[in-house]
Amino acid sequence: MDAGQVTAALGALAHETRLAVFRMLVERGPDGLPAGAISERLGMPPSSLTFHLQQLTTAGLITQRRVSRQIIYATDFDAMNRVVGYLTENCCGIAEVCGPVCRPAATGSNGDSKGNAA
């Protein structure tokens, strides 16, 4: 990842609403959430949310896929890890200490994206 991509990603996250959306999607894991559910959880009109989702998508931090009539948004964990890796690559030279990598577990049937039993 180059400096321009990292700047775009950090710029997209430098807004309270987009940061809240991104964190919500990180917590949700690879399954993501439909736009309507994100809008409802944030108490935000869909038209306003669309702008913020587009900014995160353009920055490469989230993906979108269509399922029937819904658009599902999810974190691009590889992109997130590349941003964190870029920020920490010259930290202290000990990758085990400075190189956090998020590898979300597949969501279980109970909807828990952390792989914990309900």
PDB file of N, CA and C in Angstrom:
ATOM      1  N   MET A   1       0.867  -1.171   0.000  1.00  0.00           N
ATOM      2  CA  MET A   1       0.000   0.000   0.000  1.00  0.00           C
ATOM      3  C   MET A   1       0.904   1.222   0.000  1.00  0.00           C
ATOM      4  N   ASP A   2       0.548   2.181  -0.846  1.00  0.00           N
ATOM      5  CA  ASP A   2       1.386   3.376  -0.914  1.00  0.00           C
ATOM      6  C   ASP A   2       0.802   4.506  -0.061  1.00  0.00           C
ATOM      7  N   ALA A   3       1.582   5.562   0.085  1.00  0.00           N
ATOM      8  CA  ALA A   3       1.191   6.679   0.953  1.00  0.00           C
ATOM      9  C   ALA A   3      -0.129   7.308   0.510  1.00  0.00           C
ATOM     10  N   GLY A   4      -0.379   7.389  -0.782  1.00  0.00           N
ATOM     11  CA  GLY A   4      -1.623   7.966  -1.280  1.00  0.00           C
ATOM     12  C   GLY A   4      -2.846   7.156  -0.872  1.00  0.00           C
ATOM     13  N   GLN A   5      -2.738   5.835  -0.936  1.00  0.00           N
ATOM     14  CA  GLN A   5      -3.850   4.964  -0.529  1.00  0.00           C
ATOM     15  C   GLN A   5      -4.104   5.073   0.969  1.00  0.00           C
ATOM     16  N   VAL A   6      -3.021   5.135   1.745  1.00  0.00           N
ATOM     17  CA  VAL A   6      -3.167   5.254   3.197  1.00  0.00           C
ATOM     18  C   VAL A   6      -3.793   6.601   3.547  1.00  0.00           C
ATOM     19  N   THR A   7      -3.358   7.647   2.874  1.00  0.00           N
ATOM     20  CA  THR A   7      -3.924   8.977   3.111  1.00  0.00           C
ATOM     21  C   THR A   7      -5.411   8.987   2.791  1.00  0.00           C
ATOM     22  N   ALA A   8      -5.807   8.358   1.691  1.00  0.00           N
ATOM     23  CA  ALA A   8      -7.228   8.290   1.323  1.00  0.00           C
ATOM     24  C   ALA A   8      -8.028   7.526   2.380  1.00  0.00           C
ATOM     25  N   ALA A   9      -7.475   6.415   2.855  1.00  0.00           N
ATOM     26  CA  ALA A   9      -8.161   5.614   3.867  1.00  0.00           C
ATOM     27  C   ALA A   9      -8.304   6.391   5.173  1.00  0.00           C
ATOM     28  N   LEU A  10      -7.223   7.003   5.617  1.00  0.00           N
ATOM     29  CA  LEU A  10      -7.286   7.760   6.870  1.00  0.00           C
ATOM     30  C   LEU A  10      -8.185   8.983   6.730  1.00  0.00           C
ATOM     31  N   GLY A  11      -8.182   9.603   5.556  1.00  0.00           N
ATOM     32  CA  GLY A  11      -9.071  10.729   5.307  1.00  0.00           C
ATOM     33  C   GLY A  11     -10.532  10.326   5.383  1.00  0.00           C
ATOM     34  N   ALA A  12     -10.842   9.151   4.849  1.00  0.00           N
ATOM     35  CA  ALA A  12     -12.223   8.660   4.907  1.00  0.00           C
ATOM     36  C   ALA A  12     -12.644   8.384   6.350  1.00  0.00           C
ATOM     37  N   LEU A  13     -11.721   7.928   7.159  1.00  0.00           N
ATOM     38  CA  LEU A  13     -12.030   7.623   8.558  1.00  0.00           C
ATOM     39  C   LEU A  13     -12.040   8.866   9.450  1.00  0.00           C
ATOM     40  N   ALA A  14     -11.568   9.985   8.920  1.00  0.00           N
ATOM     41  CA  ALA A  14     -11.455  11.209   9.719  1.00  0.00           C
ATOM     42  C   ALA A  14     -12.768  11.978   9.771  1.00  0.00           C
ATOM     43  N   HIS A  15     -13.844  11.248   9.934  1.00  0.00           N
ATOM     44  CA  HIS A  15     -15.178  11.842  10.089  1.00  0.00           C
ATOM     45  C   HIS A  15     -15.937  10.958  11.067  1.00  0.00           C
ATOM     46  N   GLU A  16     -16.580  11.552  12.019  1.00  0.00           N
ATOM     47  CA  GLU A  16     -17.232  10.804  13.097  1.00  0.00           C
ATOM     48  C   GLU A  16     -18.221   9.756  12.585  1.00  0.00           C
ATOM     49  N   THR A  17     -19.034  10.110  11.613  1.00  0.00           N
ATOM     50  CA  THR A  17     -20.025   9.159  11.100  1.00  0.00           C
ATOM     51  C   THR A  17     -19.355   8.011  10.375  1.00  0.00           C
ATOM     52  N   ARG A  18     -18.384   8.314   9.512  1.00  0.00           N
ATOM     53  CA  ARG A  18     -17.709   7.245   8.772  1.00  0.00           C
ATOM     54  C   ARG A  18     -16.923   6.336   9.710  1.00  0.00           C
ATOM     55  N   LEU A  19     -16.328   6.906  10.729  1.00  0.00           N
ATOM     56  CA  LEU A  19     -15.616   6.087  11.707  1.00  0.00           C
ATOM     57  C   LEU A  19     -16.592   5.169  12.433  1.00  0.00           C
ATOM     58  N   ALA A  20     -17.758   5.670  12.787  1.00  0.00           N
ATOM     59  CA  ALA A  20     -18.773   4.844  13.455  1.00  0.00           C
ATOM     60  C   ALA A  20     -19.249   3.713  12.541  1.00  0.00           C
ATOM     61  N   VAL A  21     -19.460   4.019  11.272  1.00  0.00           N
ATOM     62  CA  VAL A  21     -19.877   2.993  10.308  1.00  0.00           C
ATOM     63  C   VAL A  21     -18.789   1.937  10.177  1.00  0.00           C
ATOM     64  N   PHE A  22     -17.555   2.379  10.015  1.00  0.00           N
ATOM     65  CA  PHE A  22     -16.455   1.437   9.839  1.00  0.00           C
ATOM     66  C   PHE A  22     -16.310   0.524  11.051  1.00  0.00           C
ATOM     67  N   ARG A  23     -16.347   1.098  12.231  1.00  0.00           N
ATOM     68  CA  ARG A  23     -16.226   0.287  13.451  1.00  0.00           C
ATOM     69  C   ARG A  23     -17.376  -0.703  13.571  1.00  0.00           C
ATOM     70  N   MET A  24     -18.575  -0.275  13.202  1.00  0.00           N
ATOM     71  CA  MET A  24     -19.731  -1.161  13.229  1.00  0.00           C
ATOM     72  C   MET A  24     -19.520  -2.345  12.278  1.00  0.00           C
ATOM     73  N   LEU A  25     -18.994  -2.053  11.099  1.00  0.00           N
ATOM     74  CA  LEU A  25     -18.766  -3.124  10.125  1.00  0.00           C
ATOM     75  C   LEU A  25     -17.616  -4.032  10.534  1.00  0.00           C
ATOM     76  N   VAL A  26     -16.587  -3.480  11.171  1.00  0.00           N
ATOM     77  CA  VAL A  26     -15.499  -4.321  11.685  1.00  0.00           C
ATOM     78  C   VAL A  26     -16.062  -5.295  12.712  1.00  0.00           C
ATOM     79  N   GLU A  27     -16.887  -4.784  13.602  1.00  0.00           N
ATOM     80  CA  GLU A  27     -17.485  -5.629  14.636  1.00  0.00           C
ATOM     81  C   GLU A  27     -18.367  -6.708  14.034  1.00  0.00           C
ATOM     82  N   ARG A  28     -19.045  -6.390  12.963  1.00  0.00           N
ATOM     83  CA  ARG A  28     -19.959  -7.335  12.323  1.00  0.00           C
ATOM     84  C   ARG A  28     -19.231  -8.471  11.622  1.00  0.00           C
ATOM     85  N   GLY A  29     -17.994  -8.214  11.180  1.00  0.00           N
ATOM     86  CA  GLY A  29     -17.217  -9.263  10.520  1.00  0.00           C
ATOM     87  C   GLY A  29     -17.484  -9.336   9.028  1.00  0.00           C
ATOM     88  N   PRO A  30     -17.061 -10.428   8.408  1.00  0.00           N
ATOM     89  CA  PRO A  30     -17.134 -10.537   6.946  1.00  0.00           C
ATOM     90  C   PRO A  30     -18.552 -10.562   6.375  1.00  0.00           C
ATOM     91  N   ASP A  31     -19.535 -10.885   7.185  1.00  0.00           N
ATOM     92  CA  ASP A  31     -20.913 -10.919   6.677  1.00  0.00           C
ATOM     93  C   ASP A  31     -21.441  -9.522   6.384  1.00  0.00           C
ATOM     94  N   GLY A  32     -20.956  -8.517   7.098  1.00  0.00           N
ATOM     95  CA  GLY A  32     -21.389  -7.144   6.879  1.00  0.00           C
ATOM     96  C   GLY A  32     -22.823  -6.894   7.299  1.00  0.00           C
ATOM     97  N   LEU A  33     -23.346  -5.772   6.838  1.00  0.00           N
ATOM     98  CA  LEU A  33     -24.705  -5.351   7.170  1.00  0.00           C
ATOM     99  C   LEU A  33     -25.352  -4.693   5.961  1.00  0.00           C
ATOM    100  N   PRO A  34     -26.664  -4.845   5.832  1.00  0.00           N
ATOM    101  CA  PRO A  34     -27.360  -4.099   4.787  1.00  0.00           C
ATOM    102  C   PRO A  34     -27.373  -2.612   5.121  1.00  0.00           C
ATOM    103  N   ALA A  35     -27.423  -1.790   4.088  1.00  0.00           N
ATOM    104  CA  ALA A  35     -27.429  -0.338   4.269  1.00  0.00           C
ATOM    105  C   ALA A  35     -28.560   0.093   5.193  1.00  0.00           C
ATOM    106  N   GLY A  36     -29.724  -0.509   5.059  1.00  0.00           N
ATOM    107  CA  GLY A  36     -30.862  -0.141   5.901  1.00  0.00           C
ATOM    108  C   GLY A  36     -30.602  -0.382   7.376  1.00  0.00           C
ATOM    109  N   ALA A  37     -29.934  -1.475   7.699  1.00  0.00           N
ATOM    110  CA  ALA A  37     -29.619  -1.781   9.097  1.00  0.00           C
ATOM    111  C   ALA A  37     -28.601  -0.783   9.654  1.00  0.00           C
ATOM    112  N   ILE A  38     -27.637  -0.398   8.832  1.00  0.00           N
ATOM    113  CA  ILE A  38     -26.648   0.593   9.266  1.00  0.00           C
ATOM    114  C   ILE A  38     -27.356   1.915   9.540  1.00  0.00           C
ATOM    115  N   SER A  39     -28.218   2.314   8.625  1.00  0.00           N
ATOM    116  CA  SER A  39     -28.969   3.558   8.762  1.00  0.00           C
ATOM    117  C   SER A  39     -29.803   3.556  10.037  1.00  0.00           C
ATOM    118  N   GLU A  40     -30.472   2.442  10.274  1.00  0.00           N
ATOM    119  CA  GLU A  40     -31.328   2.326  11.465  1.00  0.00           C
ATOM    120  C   GLU A  40     -30.517   2.387  12.751  1.00  0.00           C
ATOM    121  N   ARG A  41     -29.408   1.653  12.793  1.00  0.00           N
ATOM    122  CA  ARG A  41     -28.573   1.620  14.003  1.00  0.00           C
ATOM    123  C   ARG A  41     -27.961   2.979  14.323  1.00  0.00           C
ATOM    124  N   LEU A  42     -27.645   3.745  13.284  1.00  0.00           N
ATOM    125  CA  LEU A  42     -27.048   5.064  13.505  1.00  0.00           C
ATOM    126  C   LEU A  42     -28.096   6.167  13.623  1.00  0.00           C
ATOM    127  N   GLY A  43     -29.356   5.834  13.338  1.00  0.00           N
ATOM    128  CA  GLY A  43     -30.405   6.846  13.375  1.00  0.00           C
ATOM    129  C   GLY A  43     -30.173   7.931  12.332  1.00  0.00           C
ATOM    130  N   MET A  44     -29.759   7.508  11.160  1.00  0.00           N
ATOM    131  CA  MET A  44     -29.385   8.436  10.092  1.00  0.00           C
ATOM    132  C   MET A  44     -30.234   8.170   8.854  1.00  0.00           C
ATOM    133  N   PRO A  45     -30.680   9.225   8.184  1.00  0.00           N
ATOM    134  CA  PRO A  45     -31.449   9.026   6.951  1.00  0.00           C
ATOM    135  C   PRO A  45     -30.601   8.296   5.902  1.00  0.00           C
ATOM    136  N   PRO A  46     -31.216   7.376   5.164  1.00  0.00           N
ATOM    137  CA  PRO A  46     -30.460   6.629   4.146  1.00  0.00           C
ATOM    138  C   PRO A  46     -29.731   7.527   3.148  1.00  0.00           C
ATOM    139  N   SER A  47     -30.324   8.649   2.775  1.00  0.00           N
ATOM    140  CA  SER A  47     -29.670   9.531   1.800  1.00  0.00           C
ATOM    141  C   SER A  47     -28.359  10.093   2.344  1.00  0.00           C
ATOM    142  N   SER A  48     -28.314  10.404   3.621  1.00  0.00           N
ATOM    143  CA  SER A  48     -27.069  10.896   4.230  1.00  0.00           C
ATOM    144  C   SER A  48     -26.047   9.779   4.368  1.00  0.00           C
ATOM    145  N   LEU A  49     -26.518   8.601   4.726  1.00  0.00           N
ATOM    146  CA  LEU A  49     -25.619   7.469   4.917  1.00  0.00           C
ATOM    147  C   LEU A  49     -24.951   7.071   3.610  1.00  0.00           C
ATOM    148  N   THR A  50     -25.679   7.145   2.512  1.00  0.00           N
ATOM    149  CA  THR A  50     -25.139   6.763   1.208  1.00  0.00           C
ATOM    150  C   THR A  50     -23.842   7.503   0.904  1.00  0.00           C
ATOM    151  N   PHE A  51     -23.811   8.785   1.188  1.00  0.00           N
ATOM    152  CA  PHE A  51     -22.606   9.582   0.963  1.00  0.00           C
ATOM    153  C   PHE A  51     -21.420   9.018   1.743  1.00  0.00           C
ATOM    154  N   HIS A  52     -21.637   8.706   3.008  1.00  0.00           N
ATOM    155  CA  HIS A  52     -20.551   8.213   3.858  1.00  0.00           C
ATOM    156  C   HIS A  52     -20.100   6.817   3.428  1.00  0.00           C
ATOM    157  N   LEU A  53     -21.048   5.968   3.058  1.00  0.00           N
ATOM    158  CA  LEU A  53     -20.685   4.627   2.584  1.00  0.00           C
ATOM    159  C   LEU A  53     -19.866   4.714   1.296  1.00  0.00           C
ATOM    160  N   GLN A  54     -20.233   5.635   0.431  1.00  0.00           N
ATOM    161  CA  GLN A  54     -19.491   5.810  -0.816  1.00  0.00           C
ATOM    162  C   GLN A  54     -18.068   6.271  -0.550  1.00  0.00           C
ATOM    163  N   GLN A  55     -17.880   7.149   0.421  1.00  0.00           N
ATOM    164  CA  GLN A  55     -16.537   7.617   0.773  1.00  0.00           C
ATOM    165  C   GLN A  55     -15.672   6.454   1.264  1.00  0.00           C
ATOM    166  N   LEU A  56     -16.222   5.599   2.106  1.00  0.00           N
ATOM    167  CA  LEU A  56     -15.480   4.446   2.625  1.00  0.00           C
ATOM    168  C   LEU A  56     -15.190   3.432   1.521  1.00  0.00           C
ATOM    169  N   THR A  57     -16.149   3.269   0.607  1.00  0.00           N
ATOM    170  CA  THR A  57     -15.955   2.347  -0.520  1.00  0.00           C
ATOM    171  C   THR A  57     -14.868   2.870  -1.454  1.00  0.00           C
ATOM    172  N   THR A  58     -14.931   4.142  -1.788  1.00  0.00           N
ATOM    173  CA  THR A  58     -13.937   4.753  -2.676  1.00  0.00           C
ATOM    174  C   THR A  58     -12.535   4.673  -2.074  1.00  0.00           C
ATOM    175  N   ALA A  59     -12.440   4.801  -0.761  1.00  0.00           N
ATOM    176  CA  ALA A  59     -11.142   4.706  -0.076  1.00  0.00           C
ATOM    177  C   ALA A  59     -10.655   3.263   0.011  1.00  0.00           C
ATOM    178  N   GLY A  60     -11.495   2.305  -0.374  1.00  0.00           N
ATOM    179  CA  GLY A  60     -11.091   0.898  -0.372  1.00  0.00           C
ATOM    180  C   GLY A  60     -11.205   0.211   0.968  1.00  0.00           C
ATOM    181  N   LEU A  61     -11.893   0.818   1.925  1.00  0.00           N
ATOM    182  CA  LEU A  61     -11.988   0.243   3.271  1.00  0.00           C
ATOM    183  C   LEU A  61     -13.162  -0.718   3.430  1.00  0.00           C
ATOM    184  N   ILE A  62     -14.185  -0.561   2.608  1.00  0.00           N
ATOM    185  CA  ILE A  62     -15.337  -1.457   2.692  1.00  0.00           C
ATOM    186  C   ILE A  62     -15.701  -1.935   1.288  1.00  0.00           C
ATOM    187  N   THR A  63     -16.414  -3.035   1.251  1.00  0.00           N
ATOM    188  CA  THR A  63     -16.903  -3.586  -0.006  1.00  0.00           C
ATOM    189  C   THR A  63     -18.426  -3.543   0.013  1.00  0.00           C
ATOM    190  N   GLN A  64     -18.993  -3.706  -1.147  1.00  0.00           N
ATOM    191  CA  GLN A  64     -20.443  -3.785  -1.230  1.00  0.00           C
ATOM    192  C   GLN A  64     -20.818  -4.920  -2.166  1.00  0.00           C
ATOM    193  N   ARG A  65     -21.915  -5.580  -1.839  1.00  0.00           N
ATOM    194  CA  ARG A  65     -22.436  -6.632  -2.701  1.00  0.00           C
ATOM    195  C   ARG A  65     -23.955  -6.580  -2.662  1.00  0.00           C
ATOM    196  N   ARG A  66     -24.556  -6.946  -3.749  1.00  0.00           N
ATOM    197  CA  ARG A  66     -26.010  -6.934  -3.829  1.00  0.00           C
ATOM    198  C   ARG A  66     -26.540  -8.326  -3.512  1.00  0.00           C
ATOM    199  N   VAL A  67     -27.522  -8.374  -2.621  1.00  0.00           N
ATOM    200  CA  VAL A  67     -28.238  -9.599  -2.304  1.00  0.00           C
ATOM    201  C   VAL A  67     -29.708  -9.266  -2.475  1.00  0.00           C
ATOM    202  N   SER A  68     -30.275  -9.760  -3.554  1.00  0.00           N
ATOM    203  CA  SER A  68     -31.657  -9.440  -3.896  1.00  0.00           C
ATOM    204  C   SER A  68     -31.802  -7.932  -4.053  1.00  0.00           C
ATOM    205  N   ARG A  69     -32.598  -7.305  -3.218  1.00  0.00           N
ATOM    206  CA  ARG A  69     -32.821  -5.862  -3.322  1.00  0.00           C
ATOM    207  C   ARG A  69     -31.955  -5.057  -2.357  1.00  0.00           C
ATOM    208  N   GLN A  70     -31.156  -5.737  -1.559  1.00  0.00           N
ATOM    209  CA  GLN A  70     -30.333  -5.052  -0.561  1.00  0.00           C
ATOM    210  C   GLN A  70     -28.884  -4.939  -1.013  1.00  0.00           C
ATOM    211  N   ILE A  71     -28.233  -3.883  -0.554  1.00  0.00           N
ATOM    212  CA  ILE A  71     -26.787  -3.763  -0.731  1.00  0.00           C
ATOM    213  C   ILE A  71     -26.167  -4.007   0.639  1.00  0.00           C
ATOM    214  N   ILE A  72     -25.289  -4.988   0.685  1.00  0.00           N
ATOM    215  CA  ILE A  72     -24.621  -5.371   1.920  1.00  0.00           C
ATOM    216  C   ILE A  72     -23.217  -4.775   1.912  1.00  0.00           C
ATOM    217  N   TYR A  73     -22.875  -4.080   2.982  1.00  0.00           N
ATOM    218  CA  TYR A  73     -21.552  -3.478   3.124  1.00  0.00           C
ATOM    219  C   TYR A  73     -20.759  -4.267   4.156  1.00  0.00           C
ATOM    220  N   ALA A  74     -19.474  -4.467   3.870  1.00  0.00           N
ATOM    221  CA  ALA A  74     -18.606  -5.208   4.788  1.00  0.00           C
ATOM    222  C   ALA A  74     -17.213  -4.598   4.766  1.00  0.00           C
ATOM    223  N   THR A  75     -16.499  -4.760   5.852  1.00  0.00           N
ATOM    224  CA  THR A  75     -15.120  -4.292   5.944  1.00  0.00           C
ATOM    225  C   THR A  75     -14.238  -5.108   5.017  1.00  0.00           C
ATOM    226  N   ASP A  76     -13.326  -4.447   4.336  1.00  0.00           N
ATOM    227  CA  ASP A  76     -12.279  -5.128   3.588  1.00  0.00           C
ATOM    228  C   ASP A  76     -11.118  -5.282   4.572  1.00  0.00           C
ATOM    229  N   PHE A  77     -11.066  -6.427   5.231  1.00  0.00           N
ATOM    230  CA  PHE A  77     -10.082  -6.638   6.288  1.00  0.00           C
ATOM    231  C   PHE A  77      -8.650  -6.626   5.753  1.00  0.00           C
ATOM    232  N   ASP A  78      -8.449  -7.078   4.519  1.00  0.00           N
ATOM    233  CA  ASP A  78      -7.102  -7.014   3.944  1.00  0.00           C
ATOM    234  C   ASP A  78      -6.649  -5.565   3.818  1.00  0.00           C
ATOM    235  N   ALA A  79      -7.540  -4.703   3.342  1.00  0.00           N
ATOM    236  CA  ALA A  79      -7.197  -3.280   3.216  1.00  0.00           C
ATOM    237  C   ALA A  79      -6.937  -2.662   4.585  1.00  0.00           C
ATOM    238  N   MET A  80      -7.778  -2.988   5.554  1.00  0.00           N
ATOM    239  CA  MET A  80      -7.591  -2.460   6.908  1.00  0.00           C
ATOM    240  C   MET A  80      -6.228  -2.885   7.455  1.00  0.00           C
ATOM    241  N   ASN A  81      -5.880  -4.140   7.258  1.00  0.00           N
ATOM    242  CA  ASN A  81      -4.599  -4.638   7.755  1.00  0.00           C
ATOM    243  C   ASN A  81      -3.424  -3.992   7.024  1.00  0.00           C
ATOM    244  N   ARG A  82      -3.591  -3.689   5.729  1.00  0.00           N
ATOM    245  CA  ARG A  82      -2.521  -3.010   4.996  1.00  0.00           C
ATOM    246  C   ARG A  82      -2.308  -1.596   5.529  1.00  0.00           C
ATOM    247  N   VAL A  83      -3.393  -0.898   5.883  1.00  0.00           N
ATOM    248  CA  VAL A  83      -3.259   0.447   6.452  1.00  0.00           C
ATOM    249  C   VAL A  83      -2.516   0.372   7.784  1.00  0.00           C
ATOM    250  N   VAL A  84      -2.939  -0.539   8.650  1.00  0.00           N
ATOM    251  CA  VAL A  84      -2.276  -0.690   9.947  1.00  0.00           C
ATOM    252  C   VAL A  84      -0.816  -1.110   9.742  1.00  0.00           C
ATOM    253  N   GLY A  85      -0.579  -2.003   8.795  1.00  0.00           N
ATOM    254  CA  GLY A  85       0.783  -2.439   8.501  1.00  0.00           C
ATOM    255  C   GLY A  85       1.663  -1.298   8.019  1.00  0.00           C
ATOM    256  N   TYR A  86       1.100  -0.449   7.181  1.00  0.00           N
ATOM    257  CA  TYR A  86       1.846   0.714   6.698  1.00  0.00           C
ATOM    258  C   TYR A  86       2.231   1.633   7.858  1.00  0.00           C
ATOM    259  N   LEU A  87       1.306   1.815   8.780  1.00  0.00           N
ATOM    260  CA  LEU A  87       1.556   2.705   9.913  1.00  0.00           C
ATOM    261  C   LEU A  87       2.577   2.135  10.890  1.00  0.00           C
ATOM    262  N   THR A  88       2.700   0.816  10.916  1.00  0.00           N
ATOM    263  CA  THR A  88       3.566   0.189  11.921  1.00  0.00           C
ATOM    264  C   THR A  88       4.801  -0.492  11.337  1.00  0.00           C
ATOM    265  N   GLU A  89       4.981  -0.453  10.024  1.00  0.00           N
ATOM    266  CA  GLU A  89       6.057  -1.240   9.409  1.00  0.00           C
ATOM    267  C   GLU A  89       7.460  -0.869   9.891  1.00  0.00           C
ATOM    268  N   ASN A  90       7.680   0.346  10.305  1.00  0.00           N
ATOM    269  CA  ASN A  90       9.011   0.747  10.762  1.00  0.00           C
ATOM    270  C   ASN A  90       9.045   1.032  12.256  1.00  0.00           C
ATOM    271  N   CYS A  91       8.138   0.431  12.980  1.00  0.00           N
ATOM    272  CA  CYS A  91       7.977   0.726  14.399  1.00  0.00           C
ATOM    273  C   CYS A  91       9.248   0.414  15.190  1.00  0.00           C
ATOM    274  N   CYS A  92       9.527  -0.851  15.411  1.00  0.00           N
ATOM    275  CA  CYS A  92      10.704  -1.205  16.193  1.00  0.00           C
ATOM    276  C   CYS A  92      11.420  -2.417  15.621  1.00  0.00           C
ATOM    277  N   GLY A  93      10.901  -2.928  14.514  1.00  0.00           N
ATOM    278  CA  GLY A  93      11.545  -4.069  13.876  1.00  0.00           C
ATOM    279  C   GLY A  93      11.112  -5.423  14.405  1.00  0.00           C
ATOM    280  N   ILE A  94      10.222  -5.442  15.364  1.00  0.00           N
ATOM    281  CA  ILE A  94       9.755  -6.714  15.914  1.00  0.00           C
ATOM    282  C   ILE A  94       8.307  -6.907  15.455  1.00  0.00           C
ATOM    283  N   ALA A  95       8.136  -7.622  14.354  1.00  0.00           N
ATOM    284  CA  ALA A  95       6.814  -7.755  13.730  1.00  0.00           C
ATOM    285  C   ALA A  95       5.778  -8.347  14.685  1.00  0.00           C
ATOM    286  N   GLU A  96       6.193  -9.250  15.554  1.00  0.00           N
ATOM    287  CA  GLU A  96       5.243  -9.878  16.483  1.00  0.00           C
ATOM    288  C   GLU A  96       4.642  -8.859  17.444  1.00  0.00           C
ATOM    289  N   VAL A  97       5.381  -7.805  17.735  1.00  0.00           N
ATOM    290  CA  VAL A  97       4.926  -6.783  18.665  1.00  0.00           C
ATOM    291  C   VAL A  97       4.139  -5.695  17.945  1.00  0.00           C
ATOM    292  N   CYS A  98       4.618  -5.278  16.790  1.00  0.00           N
ATOM    293  CA  CYS A  98       4.061  -4.098  16.120  1.00  0.00           C
ATOM    294  C   CYS A  98       3.151  -4.424  14.946  1.00  0.00           C
ATOM    295  N   GLY A  99       2.956  -5.657  14.611  1.00  0.00           N
ATOM    296  CA  GLY A  99       2.198  -5.976  13.411  1.00  0.00           C
ATOM    297  C   GLY A  99       0.863  -6.638  13.666  1.00  0.00           C
ATOM    298  N   PRO A 100      -0.089  -5.941  14.285  1.00  0.00           N
ATOM    299  CA  PRO A 100      -1.384  -6.571  14.512  1.00  0.00           C
ATOM    300  C   PRO A 100      -2.097  -6.833  13.187  1.00  0.00           C
ATOM    301  N   VAL A 101      -2.682  -7.995  13.095  1.00  0.00           N
ATOM    302  CA  VAL A 101      -3.441  -8.365  11.913  1.00  0.00           C
ATOM    303  C   VAL A 101      -4.779  -8.908  12.371  1.00  0.00           C
ATOM    304  N   CYS A 102      -5.829  -8.384  11.816  1.00  0.00           N
ATOM    305  CA  CYS A 102      -7.172  -8.833  12.162  1.00  0.00           C
ATOM    306  C   CYS A 102      -7.585  -9.922  11.189  1.00  0.00           C
ATOM    307  N   ARG A 103      -7.946 -11.058  11.714  1.00  0.00           N
ATOM    308  CA  ARG A 103      -8.443 -12.171  10.913  1.00  0.00           C
ATOM    309  C   ARG A 103      -9.788 -12.594  11.490  1.00  0.00           C
ATOM    310  N   PRO A 104     -10.870 -11.965  11.023  1.00  0.00           N
ATOM    311  CA  PRO A 104     -12.177 -12.263  11.609  1.00  0.00           C
ATOM    312  C   PRO A 104     -12.596 -13.702  11.338  1.00  0.00           C
ATOM    313  N   ALA A 105     -13.198 -14.284  12.343  1.00  0.00           N
ATOM    314  CA  ALA A 105     -13.733 -15.627  12.194  1.00  0.00           C
ATOM    315  C   ALA A 105     -15.020 -15.557  11.403  1.00  0.00           C
ATOM    316  N   ALA A 106     -15.319 -16.623  10.718  1.00  0.00           N
ATOM    317  CA  ALA A 106     -16.598 -16.676  10.004  1.00  0.00           C
ATOM    318  C   ALA A 106     -17.720 -16.596  11.013  1.00  0.00           C
ATOM    319  N   THR A 107     -18.769 -15.908  10.638  1.00  0.00           N
ATOM    320  CA  THR A 107     -19.906 -15.758  11.534  1.00  0.00           C
ATOM    321  C   THR A 107     -20.607 -17.095  11.687  1.00  0.00           C
ATOM    322  N   GLY A 108     -20.859 -17.465  12.935  1.00  0.00           N
ATOM    323  CA  GLY A 108     -21.574 -18.700  13.216  1.00  0.00           C
ATOM    324  C   GLY A 108     -23.064 -18.534  13.024  1.00  0.00           C
ATOM    325  N   SER A 109     -23.791 -19.596  13.188  1.00  0.00           N
ATOM    326  CA  SER A 109     -25.242 -19.550  12.978  1.00  0.00           C
ATOM    327  C   SER A 109     -25.948 -18.660  13.991  1.00  0.00           C
ATOM    328  N   ASN A 110     -25.275 -18.349  15.112  1.00  0.00           N
ATOM    329  CA  ASN A 110     -25.908 -17.504  16.124  1.00  0.00           C
ATOM    330  C   ASN A 110     -25.654 -16.020  15.862  1.00  0.00           C
ATOM    331  N   GLY A 111     -24.935 -15.709  14.738  1.00  0.00           N
ATOM    332  CA  GLY A 111     -24.701 -14.315  14.389  1.00  0.00           C
ATOM    333  C   GLY A 111     -23.550 -13.668  15.118  1.00  0.00           C
ATOM    334  N   ASP A 112     -22.791 -14.441  15.908  1.00  0.00           N
ATOM    335  CA  ASP A 112     -21.670 -13.903  16.655  1.00  0.00           C
ATOM    336  C   ASP A 112     -20.430 -13.948  15.787  1.00  0.00           C
ATOM    337  N   SER A 113     -19.950 -12.787  15.348  1.00  0.00           N
ATOM    338  CA  SER A 113     -18.812 -12.738  14.438  1.00  0.00           C
ATOM    339  C   SER A 113     -17.486 -13.013  15.146  1.00  0.00           C
ATOM    340  N   LYS A 114     -17.482 -13.136  16.454  1.00  0.00           N
ATOM    341  CA  LYS A 114     -16.251 -13.391  17.178  1.00  0.00           C
ATOM    342  C   LYS A 114     -16.036 -14.880  17.434  1.00  0.00           C
ATOM    343  N   GLY A 115     -16.958 -15.702  16.931  1.00  0.00           N
ATOM    344  CA  GLY A 115     -16.810 -17.131  17.069  1.00  0.00           C
ATOM    345  C   GLY A 115     -17.145 -17.655  18.454  1.00  0.00           C
ATOM    346  N   ASN A 116     -17.749 -16.842  19.303  1.00  0.00           N
ATOM    347  CA  ASN A 116     -18.113 -17.263  20.649  1.00  0.00           C
ATOM    348  C   ASN A 116     -19.476 -17.905  20.650  1.00  0.00           C
ATOM    349  N   ALA A 117     -19.684 -18.793  21.560  1.00  0.00           N
ATOM    350  CA  ALA A 117     -21.000 -19.416  21.703  1.00  0.00           C
ATOM    351  C   ALA A 117     -21.949 -18.427  22.329  1.00  0.00           C
ATOM    352  N   ALA A 118     -23.202 -18.544  21.969  1.00  0.00           N
ATOM    353  CA  ALA A 118     -24.208 -17.618  22.515  1.00  0.00           C
ATOM    354  C   ALA A 118     -24.595 -18.012  23.918  1.00  0.00           C
TER     355      ALA A 118
END
